[in-house]
C-alpha atoms as a PDB file:
ATOM      1  CA  UNK A   1     136.358 121.292  97.623  1.00  0.00           C
ATOM      2  CA  UNK A   2     135.520 120.416 101.400  1.00  0.00           C
ATOM      3  CA  UNK A   3     136.866 122.336 104.391  1.00  0.00           C
ATOM      4  CA  UNK A   4     135.584 122.397 107.524  1.00  0.00           C
ATOM      5  CA  UNK A   5     133.999 124.568 109.961  1.00  0.00           C
ATOM      6  CA  UNK A   6     135.417 127.417 111.670  1.00  0.00           C
ATOM      7  CA  UNK A   7     132.404 127.856 113.837  1.00  0.00           C
ATOM      8  CA  UNK A   8     130.523 126.437 116.443  1.00  0.00           C
ATOM      9  CA  UNK A   9     126.469 126.241 115.963  1.00  0.00           C
ATOM     10  CA  UNK A  10     123.860 126.889 118.834  1.00  0.00           C
ATOM     11  CA  UNK A  11     122.765 123.377 119.960  1.00  0.00           C
ATOM     12  CA  UNK A  12     118.878 123.947 118.034  1.00  0.00           C
ATOM     13  CA  UNK A  13     120.504 124.942 114.433  1.00  0.00           C
ATOM     14  CA  UNK A  14     123.319 122.366 114.574  1.00  0.00           C
ATOM     15  CA  UNK A  15     120.034 119.989 114.840  1.00  0.00           C
ATOM     16  CA  UNK A  16     119.199 121.548 112.143  1.00  0.00           C
ATOM     17  CA  UNK A  17     122.300 121.227 110.274  1.00  0.00           C
ATOM     18  CA  UNK A  18     122.259 117.477 111.329  1.00  0.00           C
ATOM     19  CA  UNK A  19     119.553 116.623 109.765  1.00  0.00           C
ATOM     20  CA  UNK A  20     120.379 118.234 106.222  1.00  0.00           C
ATOM     21  CA  UNK A  21     123.119 116.141 106.077  1.00  0.00           C
ATOM     22  CA  UNK A  22     121.069 113.609 106.346  1.00  0.00           C
ATOM     23  CA  UNK A  23     119.852 114.885 103.168  1.00  0.00           C
ATOM     24  CA  UNK A  24     123.213 114.387 101.538  1.00  0.00           C
ATOM     25  CA  UNK A  25     122.974 114.613  97.988  1.00  0.00           C
ATOM     26  CA  UNK A  26     120.529 118.091  98.176  1.00  0.00           C
ATOM     27  CA  UNK A  27     123.483 119.277 101.290  1.00  0.00           C
ATOM     28  CA  UNK A  28     125.978 119.048  98.394  1.00  0.00           C
ATOM     29  CA  UNK A  29     124.096 121.317  96.219  1.00  0.00           C
ATOM     30  CA  UNK A  30     123.428 123.396  99.144  1.00  0.00           C
ATOM     31  CA  UNK A  31     127.037 123.637 100.105  1.00  0.00           C
ATOM     32  CA  UNK A  32     128.008 124.483  96.388  1.00  0.00           C
ATOM     33  CA  UNK A  33     125.345 127.738  95.718  1.00  0.00           C
ATOM     34  CA  UNK A  34     125.703 128.541  99.108  1.00  0.00           C
ATOM     35  CA  UNK A  35     129.688 128.045 100.767  1.00  0.00           C
ATOM     36  CA  UNK A  36     131.464 127.330  97.462  1.00  0.00           C
ATOM     37  CA  UNK A  37     132.760 123.811  98.196  1.00  0.00           C
ATOM     38  CA  UNK A  38     131.066 120.826 101.098  1.00  0.00           C
ATOM     39  CA  UNK A  39     131.269 122.518 104.498  1.00  0.00           C
ATOM     40  CA  UNK A  40     132.514 119.192 106.694  1.00  0.00           C
ATOM     41  CA  UNK A  41     130.636 118.835 110.751  1.00  0.00           C
ATOM     42  CA  UNK A  42     133.105 118.514 113.180  1.00  0.00           C
ATOM     43  CA  UNK A  43     130.693 117.195 116.160  1.00  0.00           C
ATOM     44  CA  UNK A  44     130.810 119.888 119.040  1.00  0.00           C
ATOM     45  CA  UNK A  45     131.170 116.614 121.463  1.00  0.00           C
ATOM     46  CA  UNK A  46     134.751 115.742 120.446  1.00  0.00           C
ATOM     47  CA  UNK A  47     135.674 118.674 122.300  1.00  0.00           C
ATOM     48  CA  UNK A  48     132.366 120.724 124.281  1.00  0.00           C
ATOM     49  CA  UNK A  49     135.243 123.159 125.715  1.00  0.00           C
ATOM     50  CA  UNK A  50     136.820 124.233 122.356  1.00  0.00           C
ATOM     51  CA  UNK A  51     133.832 124.295 120.252  1.00  0.00           C
ATOM     52  CA  UNK A  52     132.465 127.002 123.079  1.00  0.00           C
ATOM     53  CA  UNK A  53     135.065 129.214 122.626  1.00  0.00           C
ATOM     54  CA  UNK A  54     134.827 129.191 118.320  1.00  0.00           C
ATOM     55  CA  UNK A  55     130.995 129.369 119.108  1.00  0.00           C
ATOM     56  CA  UNK A  56     131.676 132.777 120.812  1.00  0.00           C
ATOM     57  CA  UNK A  57     133.309 134.444 118.597  1.00  0.00           C
ATOM     58  CA  UNK A  58     131.260 133.522 116.084  1.00  0.00           C
ATOM     59  CA  UNK A  59     128.244 135.379 117.897  1.00  0.00           C
ATOM     60  CA  UNK A  60     130.540 137.878 118.784  1.00  0.00           C
ATOM     61  CA  UNK A  61     131.463 138.373 114.807  1.00  0.00           C
ATOM     62  CA  UNK A  62     127.143 137.823 114.123  1.00  0.00           C
ATOM     63  CA  UNK A  63     126.662 140.985 116.472  1.00  0.00           C
ATOM     64  CA  UNK A  64     128.505 143.361 114.393  1.00  0.00           C
ATOM     65  CA  UNK A  65     125.702 142.141 111.433  1.00  0.00           C
ATOM     66  CA  UNK A  66     122.281 142.076 114.011  1.00  0.00           C
ATOM     67  CA  UNK A  67     120.683 144.344 111.408  1.00  0.00           C
ATOM     68  CA  UNK A  68     120.942 141.884 108.927  1.00  0.00           C
ATOM     69  CA  UNK A  69     119.463 138.670 111.005  1.00  0.00           C
ATOM     70  CA  UNK A  70     116.677 139.661 113.160  1.00  0.00           C
ATOM     71  CA  UNK A  71     114.315 137.995 113.529  1.00  0.00           C
ATOM     72  CA  UNK A  72     117.230 134.986 113.925  1.00  0.00           C
ATOM     73  CA  UNK A  73     119.297 136.074 116.279  1.00  0.00           C
ATOM     74  CA  UNK A  74     117.155 134.971 119.028  1.00  0.00           C
ATOM     75  CA  UNK A  75     118.269 131.008 117.888  1.00  0.00           C
ATOM     76  CA  UNK A  76     122.043 132.054 118.840  1.00  0.00           C
ATOM     77  CA  UNK A  77     121.849 132.057 122.570  1.00  0.00           C
ATOM     78  CA  UNK A  78     124.280 134.268 124.981  1.00  0.00           C
ATOM     79  CA  UNK A  79     125.646 131.267 127.042  1.00  0.00           C
ATOM     80  CA  UNK A  80     126.740 132.460 130.895  1.00  0.00           C
ATOM     81  CA  UNK A  81     129.703 130.267 130.568  1.00  0.00           C
ATOM     82  CA  UNK A  82     130.992 126.963 128.825  1.00  0.00           C
ATOM     83  CA  UNK A  83     129.087 124.799 131.052  1.00  0.00           C
ATOM     84  CA  UNK A  84     125.362 125.980 129.951  1.00  0.00           C
ATOM     85  CA  UNK A  85     126.254 125.706 126.625  1.00  0.00           C
ATOM     86  CA  UNK A  86     127.600 121.800 127.027  1.00  0.00           C
ATOM     87  CA  UNK A  87     124.348 120.882 129.292  1.00  0.00           C
ATOM     88  CA  UNK A  88     122.468 123.014 125.764  1.00  0.00           C
ATOM     89  CA  UNK A  89     124.489 119.394 123.464  1.00  0.00           C
ATOM     90  CA  UNK A  90     123.878 117.501 126.356  1.00  0.00           C
ATOM     91  CA  UNK A  91     119.858 117.023 126.778  1.00  0.00           C
ATOM     92  CA  UNK A  92     119.145 116.752 123.362  1.00  0.00           C
ATOM     93  CA  UNK A  93     117.657 113.008 122.835  1.00  0.00           C
ATOM     94  CA  UNK A  94     115.758 111.401 120.203  1.00  0.00           C
ATOM     95  CA  UNK A  95     112.520 109.069 121.120  1.00  0.00           C
ATOM     96  CA  UNK A  96     109.732 107.220 119.891  1.00  0.00           C
ATOM     97  CA  UNK A  97     106.238 108.098 120.093  1.00  0.00           C
ATOM     98  CA  UNK A  98     106.157 105.640 123.544  1.00  0.00           C
ATOM     99  CA  UNK A  99     108.374 107.200 125.184  1.00  0.00           C
ATOM    100  CA  UNK A 100     107.190 110.507 124.841  1.00  0.00           C
ATOM    101  CA  UNK A 101     104.339 109.223 126.150  1.00  0.00           C
ATOM    102  CA  UNK A 102     106.113 108.026 129.268  1.00  0.00           C
ATOM    103  CA  UNK A 103     108.065 110.692 129.965  1.00  0.00           C
ATOM    104  CA  UNK A 104     104.764 112.546 130.318  1.00  0.00           C
ATOM    105  CA  UNK A 105     102.887 110.215 132.583  1.00  0.00           C
ATOM    106  CA  UNK A 106     106.755 110.401 134.664  1.00  0.00           C
ATOM    107  CA  UNK A 107     106.468 114.459 135.022  1.00  0.00           C
ATOM    108  CA  UNK A 108     102.845 114.461 135.726  1.00  0.00           C
ATOM    109  CA  UNK A 109     103.199 111.539 138.735  1.00  0.00           C
ATOM    110  CA  UNK A 110     106.342 113.966 139.618  1.00  0.00           C
ATOM    111  CA  UNK A 111     105.490 117.483 139.110  1.00  0.00           C
ATOM    112  CA  UNK A 112     108.822 119.647 139.877  1.00  0.00           C
ATOM    113  CA  UNK A 113     108.143 123.087 141.795  1.00  0.00           C
ATOM    114  CA  UNK A 114     109.137 125.427 139.185  1.00  0.00           C
ATOM    115  CA  UNK A 115     108.590 128.148 141.281  1.00  0.00           C
ATOM    116  CA  UNK A 116     111.893 127.648 143.358  1.00  0.00           C
ATOM    117  CA  UNK A 117     113.519 125.812 140.010  1.00  0.00           C
ATOM    118  CA  UNK A 118     117.125 126.393 139.362  1.00  0.00           C
ATOM    119  CA  UNK A 119     118.958 125.759 136.446  1.00  0.00           C
ATOM    120  CA  UNK A 120     121.463 122.856 138.448  1.00  0.00           C
ATOM    121  CA  UNK A 121     117.882 121.323 139.161  1.00  0.00           C
ATOM    122  CA  UNK A 122     116.467 120.802 135.951  1.00  0.00           C
ATOM    123  CA  UNK A 123     119.907 119.444 134.776  1.00  0.00           C
ATOM    124  CA  UNK A 124     119.710 116.870 137.830  1.00  0.00           C
ATOM    125  CA  UNK A 125     116.084 116.269 136.704  1.00  0.00           C
ATOM    126  CA  UNK A 126     116.584 115.379 133.125  1.00  0.00           C
ATOM    127  CA  UNK A 127     119.492 113.258 134.028  1.00  0.00           C
ATOM    128  CA  UNK A 128     117.183 111.442 136.033  1.00  0.00           C
ATOM    129  CA  UNK A 129     114.190 111.247 133.915  1.00  0.00           C
ATOM    130  CA  UNK A 130     116.952 110.286 131.185  1.00  0.00           C
ATOM    131  CA  UNK A 131     118.054 107.329 133.325  1.00  0.00           C
ATOM    132  CA  UNK A 132     114.565 106.345 134.441  1.00  0.00           C
ATOM    133  CA  UNK A 133     113.616 106.050 131.053  1.00  0.00           C
ATOM    134  CA  UNK A 134     116.595 104.851 128.990  1.00  0.00           C
ATOM    135  CA  UNK A 135     114.941 103.225 126.133  1.00  0.00           C
ATOM    136  CA  UNK A 136     114.250  99.396 126.712  1.00  0.00           C
ATOM    137  CA  UNK A 137     114.062  96.902 123.691  1.00  0.00           C
ATOM    138  CA  UNK A 138     111.129  94.411 124.476  1.00  0.00           C
ATOM    139  CA  UNK A 139     112.626  90.560 126.363  1.00  0.00           C
ATOM    140  CA  UNK A 140     111.696  88.976 122.380  1.00  0.00           C
ATOM    141  CA  UNK A 141     114.096  91.836 120.609  1.00  0.00           C
ATOM    142  CA  UNK A 142     117.172  91.111 123.014  1.00  0.00           C
ATOM    143  CA  UNK A 143     120.115  89.193 123.017  1.00  0.00           C
ATOM    144  CA  UNK A 144     123.787  90.500 122.150  1.00  0.00           C
ATOM    145  CA  UNK A 145     124.614  89.827 118.188  1.00  0.00           C
ATOM    146  CA  UNK A 146     127.752  86.754 117.598  1.00  0.00           C
ATOM    147  CA  UNK A 147     130.409  89.539 117.396  1.00  0.00           C
ATOM    148  CA  UNK A 148     131.298  87.142 114.439  1.00  0.00           C
ATOM    149  CA  UNK A 149     134.436  89.009 112.852  1.00  0.00           C
ATOM    150  CA  UNK A 150     134.103  86.701 109.727  1.00  0.00           C
ATOM    151  CA  UNK A 151     132.272  87.131 106.389  1.00  0.00           C
ATOM    152  CA  UNK A 152     131.428  84.379 104.321  1.00  0.00           C
ATOM    153  CA  UNK A 153     131.567  85.271 100.284  1.00  0.00           C
ATOM    154  CA  UNK A 154     131.185  83.081  97.766  1.00  0.00           C
ATOM    155  CA  UNK A 155     131.576  84.750  94.501  1.00  0.00           C
ATOM    156  CA  UNK A 156     129.344  82.713  92.360  1.00  0.00           C
ATOM    157  CA  UNK A 157     126.668  81.915  95.299  1.00  0.00           C
ATOM    158  CA  UNK A 158     126.272  84.924  95.524  1.00  0.00           C
ATOM    159  CA  UNK A 159     126.369  87.065  92.375  1.00  0.00           C
ATOM    160  CA  UNK A 160     122.531  87.662  92.257  1.00  0.00           C
ATOM    161  CA  UNK A 161     123.162  89.506  95.064  1.00  0.00           C
ATOM    162  CA  UNK A 162     126.359  91.427  94.844  1.00  0.00           C
ATOM    163  CA  UNK A 163     128.730  93.719  92.734  1.00  0.00           C
ATOM    164  CA  UNK A 164     131.499  92.910  91.193  1.00  0.00           C
ATOM    165  CA  UNK A 165     134.055  92.089  94.238  1.00  0.00           C
ATOM    166  CA  UNK A 166     136.549  88.774  94.744  1.00  0.00           C
ATOM    167  CA  UNK A 167     136.973  87.055  97.700  1.00  0.00           C
ATOM    168  CA  UNK A 168     140.178  89.039  99.046  1.00  0.00           C
ATOM    169  CA  UNK A 169     138.835  92.500  98.111  1.00  0.00           C
ATOM    170  CA  UNK A 170     135.860  91.787 100.182  1.00  0.00           C
ATOM    171  CA  UNK A 171     137.682  90.411 103.215  1.00  0.00           C
ATOM    172  CA  UNK A 172     140.642  93.132 102.802  1.00  0.00           C
ATOM    173  CA  UNK A 173     137.812  95.862 102.772  1.00  0.00           C
ATOM    174  CA  UNK A 174     135.476  93.542 105.842  1.00  0.00           C
ATOM    175  CA  UNK A 175     138.261  93.737 108.075  1.00  0.00           C
ATOM    176  CA  UNK A 176     138.947  97.741 107.475  1.00  0.00           C
ATOM    177  CA  UNK A 177     135.461  98.394 108.104  1.00  0.00           C
ATOM    178  CA  UNK A 178     135.554  95.918 111.613  1.00  0.00           C
ATOM    179  CA  UNK A 179     139.143  97.897 112.437  1.00  0.00           C
ATOM    180  CA  UNK A 180     137.741 101.451 111.387  1.00  0.00           C
ATOM    181  CA  UNK A 181     138.279 104.269 113.945  1.00  0.00           C
ATOM    182  CA  UNK A 182     135.267 105.949 114.893  1.00  0.00           C
ATOM    183  CA  UNK A 183     135.962 109.501 117.020  1.00  0.00           C
ATOM    184  CA  UNK A 184     136.144 108.479 120.707  1.00  0.00           C
ATOM    185  CA  UNK A 185     133.051 110.127 121.876  1.00  0.00           C
ATOM    186  CA  UNK A 186     131.262 108.455 119.143  1.00  0.00           C
ATOM    187  CA  UNK A 187     129.947 105.794 121.344  1.00  0.00           C
ATOM    188  CA  UNK A 188     128.935 108.169 124.453  1.00  0.00           C
ATOM    189  CA  UNK A 189     127.390 110.126 121.614  1.00  0.00           C
ATOM    190  CA  UNK A 190     124.578 107.530 120.654  1.00  0.00           C
ATOM    191  CA  UNK A 191     124.532 105.608 123.803  1.00  0.00           C
ATOM    192  CA  UNK A 192     122.690 109.281 125.286  1.00  0.00           C
ATOM    193  CA  UNK A 193     121.240 110.434 122.306  1.00  0.00           C
ATOM    194  CA  UNK A 194     119.260 107.338 121.759  1.00  0.00           C
ATOM    195  CA  UNK A 195     118.988 106.553 124.693  1.00  0.00           C
ATOM    196  CA  UNK A 196     120.365 103.330 125.169  1.00  0.00           C
ATOM    197  CA  UNK A 197     122.830 101.945 127.506  1.00  0.00           C
ATOM    198  CA  UNK A 198     126.603 101.773 125.990  1.00  0.00           C
ATOM    199  CA  UNK A 199     126.482  97.906 126.047  1.00  0.00           C
ATOM    200  CA  UNK A 200     123.759  98.681 123.736  1.00  0.00           C
ATOM    201  CA  UNK A 201     125.110 101.615 121.651  1.00  0.00           C
ATOM    202  CA  UNK A 202     128.716  99.264 121.081  1.00  0.00           C
ATOM    203  CA  UNK A 203     125.876  96.398 119.516  1.00  0.00           C
ATOM    204  CA  UNK A 204     124.281  99.178 117.242  1.00  0.00           C
ATOM    205  CA  UNK A 205     127.815 100.308 115.736  1.00  0.00           C
ATOM    206  CA  UNK A 206     129.498  96.693 115.512  1.00  0.00           C
ATOM    207  CA  UNK A 207     125.726  96.172 113.263  1.00  0.00           C
ATOM    208  CA  UNK A 208     125.993  99.471 111.611  1.00  0.00           C
ATOM    209  CA  UNK A 209     129.373  98.026 110.258  1.00  0.00           C
ATOM    210  CA  UNK A 210     128.017  95.456 109.330  1.00  0.00           C
ATOM    211  CA  UNK A 211     125.232  96.478 107.104  1.00  0.00           C
ATOM    212  CA  UNK A 212     127.421  99.330 106.046  1.00  0.00           C
ATOM    213  CA  UNK A 213     129.966  96.416 104.110  1.00  0.00           C
ATOM    214  CA  UNK A 214     126.939  94.844 102.350  1.00  0.00           C
ATOM    215  CA  UNK A 215     125.365  98.537 101.254  1.00  0.00           C
ATOM    216  CA  UNK A 216     128.992  98.849  99.736  1.00  0.00           C
ATOM    217  CA  UNK A 217     128.724  95.787  97.772  1.00  0.00           C
ATOM    218  CA  UNK A 218     125.146  94.505  96.930  1.00  0.00           C
ATOM    219  CA  UNK A 219     123.257  95.884  93.589  1.00  0.00           C
ATOM    220  CA  UNK A 220     119.994  96.024  95.192  1.00  0.00           C
ATOM    221  CA  UNK A 221     118.244  98.984  97.410  1.00  0.00           C
ATOM    222  CA  UNK A 222     118.577  97.969 100.868  1.00  0.00           C
ATOM    223  CA  UNK A 223     116.615  99.580 104.397  1.00  0.00           C
ATOM    224  CA  UNK A 224     118.101  99.915 107.758  1.00  0.00           C
ATOM    225  CA  UNK A 225     116.246  98.792 110.529  1.00  0.00           C
ATOM    226  CA  UNK A 226     115.005 102.230 112.922  1.00  0.00           C
ATOM    227  CA  UNK A 227     118.085 102.132 115.027  1.00  0.00           C
ATOM    228  CA  UNK A 228     121.111 101.407 112.446  1.00  0.00           C
ATOM    229  CA  UNK A 229     119.301 104.253 110.367  1.00  0.00           C
ATOM    230  CA  UNK A 230     119.847 106.756 113.702  1.00  0.00           C
ATOM    231  CA  UNK A 231     123.343 105.483 114.077  1.00  0.00           C
ATOM    232  CA  UNK A 232     124.304 105.807 110.509  1.00  0.00           C
ATOM    233  CA  UNK A 233     122.614 109.764 110.747  1.00  0.00           C
ATOM    234  CA  UNK A 234     124.055 110.188 113.768  1.00  0.00           C
ATOM    235  CA  UNK A 235     127.963 108.922 112.186  1.00  0.00           C
ATOM    236  CA  UNK A 236     127.373 111.226 109.173  1.00  0.00           C
ATOM    237  CA  UNK A 237     127.346 114.340 111.083  1.00  0.00           C
ATOM    238  CA  UNK A 238     130.698 113.550 111.748  1.00  0.00           C
ATOM    239  CA  UNK A 239     131.358 114.393 108.122  1.00  0.00           C
ATOM    240  CA  UNK A 240     135.326 113.875 108.189  1.00  0.00           C
ATOM    241  CA  UNK A 241     135.052 110.490 109.710  1.00  0.00           C
ATOM    242  CA  UNK A 242     132.019 109.177 108.093  1.00  0.00           C
ATOM    243  CA  UNK A 243     133.569 110.296 104.764  1.00  0.00           C
ATOM    244  CA  UNK A 244     136.877 108.054 105.478  1.00  0.00           C
ATOM    245  CA  UNK A 245     134.532 105.181 106.700  1.00  0.00           C
ATOM    246  CA  UNK A 246     133.226 105.083 103.209  1.00  0.00           C
ATOM    247  CA  UNK A 247     136.125 104.744 101.296  1.00  0.00           C
ATOM    248  CA  UNK A 248     137.020 101.326 102.996  1.00  0.00           C
ATOM    249  CA  UNK A 249     133.671  99.874 101.112  1.00  0.00           C
ATOM    250  CA  UNK A 250     134.099  97.619  98.792  1.00  0.00           C
ATOM    251  CA  UNK A 251     132.593  99.397  94.770  1.00  0.00           C
ATOM    252  CA  UNK A 252     131.664 102.586  96.734  1.00  0.00           C
ATOM    253  CA  UNK A 253     133.865 105.513  97.355  1.00  0.00           C
ATOM    254  CA  UNK A 254     130.506 107.311  99.341  1.00  0.00           C
ATOM    255  CA  UNK A 255     126.823 105.768 100.433  1.00  0.00           C
ATOM    256  CA  UNK A 256     124.547 108.613  99.637  1.00  0.00           C
ATOM    257  CA  UNK A 257     121.711 108.320 102.859  1.00  0.00           C
ATOM    258  CA  UNK A 258     118.030 109.241 101.474  1.00  0.00           C
ATOM    259  CA  UNK A 259     115.448 109.474 104.611  1.00  0.00           C
ATOM    260  CA  UNK A 260     113.673 106.460 105.508  1.00  0.00           C
ATOM    261  CA  UNK A 261     109.846 107.040 105.576  1.00  0.00           C
ATOM    262  CA  UNK A 262     108.265 103.419 105.579  1.00  0.00           C
ATOM    263  CA  UNK A 263     106.758 104.215 102.105  1.00  0.00           C
ATOM    264  CA  UNK A 264     109.568 105.447  99.796  1.00  0.00           C
ATOM    265  CA  UNK A 265     108.051 107.093  96.683  1.00  0.00           C
ATOM    266  CA  UNK A 266     109.111 104.777  93.621  1.00  0.00           C
ATOM    267  CA  UNK A 267     110.329 101.690  96.231  1.00  0.00           C
ATOM    268  CA  UNK A 268     108.850  99.173  97.679  1.00  0.00           C
ATOM    269  CA  UNK A 269     110.183  99.411 101.785  1.00  0.00           C
ATOM    270  CA  UNK A 270     109.105  96.181 103.146  1.00  0.00           C
ATOM    271  CA  UNK A 271     110.894  94.417 100.124  1.00  0.00           C
ATOM    272  CA  UNK A 272     113.706  96.182 100.379  1.00  0.00           C
ATOM    273  CA  UNK A 273     114.148  95.336 104.517  1.00  0.00           C
ATOM    274  CA  UNK A 274     113.395  92.020 103.697  1.00  0.00           C
ATOM    275  CA  UNK A 275     115.798  91.931 100.733  1.00  0.00           C
ATOM    276  CA  UNK A 276     118.766  93.249 103.565  1.00  0.00           C
ATOM    277  CA  UNK A 277     117.860  90.696 105.899  1.00  0.00           C
ATOM    278  CA  UNK A 278     118.330  88.334 103.042  1.00  0.00           C
ATOM    279  CA  UNK A 279     122.125  88.914 101.798  1.00  0.00           C
ATOM    280  CA  UNK A 280     122.710  89.854 105.942  1.00  0.00           C
ATOM    281  CA  UNK A 281     121.924  86.285 106.617  1.00  0.00           C
ATOM    282  CA  UNK A 282     123.696  84.763 103.699  1.00  0.00           C
ATOM    283  CA  UNK A 283     127.039  86.688 103.967  1.00  0.00           C
ATOM    284  CA  UNK A 284     127.449  86.419 107.471  1.00  0.00           C
ATOM    285  CA  UNK A 285     125.643  82.818 107.771  1.00  0.00           C
ATOM    286  CA  UNK A 286     123.338  83.728 110.468  1.00  0.00           C
ATOM    287  CA  UNK A 287     120.079  85.899 111.655  1.00  0.00           C
ATOM    288  CA  UNK A 288     120.382  89.188 111.818  1.00  0.00           C
ATOM    289  CA  UNK A 289     120.457  90.026 115.862  1.00  0.00           C
ATOM    290  CA  UNK A 290     116.406  91.050 116.809  1.00  0.00           C
ATOM    291  CA  UNK A 291     116.983  93.710 119.138  1.00  0.00           C
ATOM    292  CA  UNK A 292     118.629  95.751 116.287  1.00  0.00           C
ATOM    293  CA  UNK A 293     117.193  94.347 113.045  1.00  0.00           C
ATOM    294  CA  UNK A 294     113.658  93.397 114.346  1.00  0.00           C
ATOM    295  CA  UNK A 295     111.381  91.600 112.191  1.00  0.00           C
ATOM    296  CA  UNK A 296     109.471  94.052 108.911  1.00  0.00           C
ATOM    297  CA  UNK A 297     105.814  93.833 110.942  1.00  0.00           C
ATOM    298  CA  UNK A 298     107.934  95.545 113.945  1.00  0.00           C
ATOM    299  CA  UNK A 299     109.995  97.397 111.592  1.00  0.00           C
ATOM    300  CA  UNK A 300     106.775  98.951 110.161  1.00  0.00           C
ATOM    301  CA  UNK A 301     104.682  99.301 112.415  1.00  0.00           C
ATOM    302  CA  UNK A 302     103.071 102.660 112.411  1.00  0.00           C
ATOM    303  CA  UNK A 303     104.684 104.519 115.379  1.00  0.00           C
ATOM    304  CA  UNK A 304     108.216 104.244 114.096  1.00  0.00           C
ATOM    305  CA  UNK A 305     106.784 106.642 111.504  1.00  0.00           C
ATOM    306  CA  UNK A 306     104.679 108.884 113.831  1.00  0.00           C
END
């Protein structure tokens, strides 16, 4: 049994919620123990104004139980208006360690007069920082994918790598995955949170589709690139849409996510990543594009797991 949460969480609690969804087998267990069913998250970005009103209702209800929530009630701020609530969601971004160092350098070179800093100026400054430090890929990792809408499947040649799929099933599932509609806010959400351009977000989503097709039909443990994993986690936070997407896959009705740490217990992560690239080339007759799928030595550089 699953049901949709009637309330919206504040930004920081929502981040914790999203992180927990990434441990989906554990999340399911927690949901059934505490909520007696699987709790579907609706992404606030789809309708921030409406989510703000549900948040206010939630906070009002919680005020009646404030004595039971101390000291956690401070995590549920009282926003002046919907604009403040929206801004709280809009400027949560993911950054790599080098980006963070770049932010620190930028701020040290462009100090702000905090004595007279207003909320509006702080937001404008945040927008400027994000725009000036939009995630840049090294030149050798740039280049758009081919956007090939074909998959090359030979039952005999691919028997080593894939499950019991036939040609017609594979083609039907692949077309369903390529044509599947993500939420309207999905591309914008990825572009903003991962600090990449809209074009890069679109390309990353396309590669995510292709990765999930492989995940749905292979017999082997796969390992995503860093960018694909981020897109995957964001998509999982759109719970209902993610469940519908998984039902398009061959052989599987749901793909469980395991957080990727670079040294997963009991697995050879580097080997699994190379296997992923090999199956990709087998099924799509082309190398995975480097800007999304860097070589293993780049993927497993220590800074990616700091």
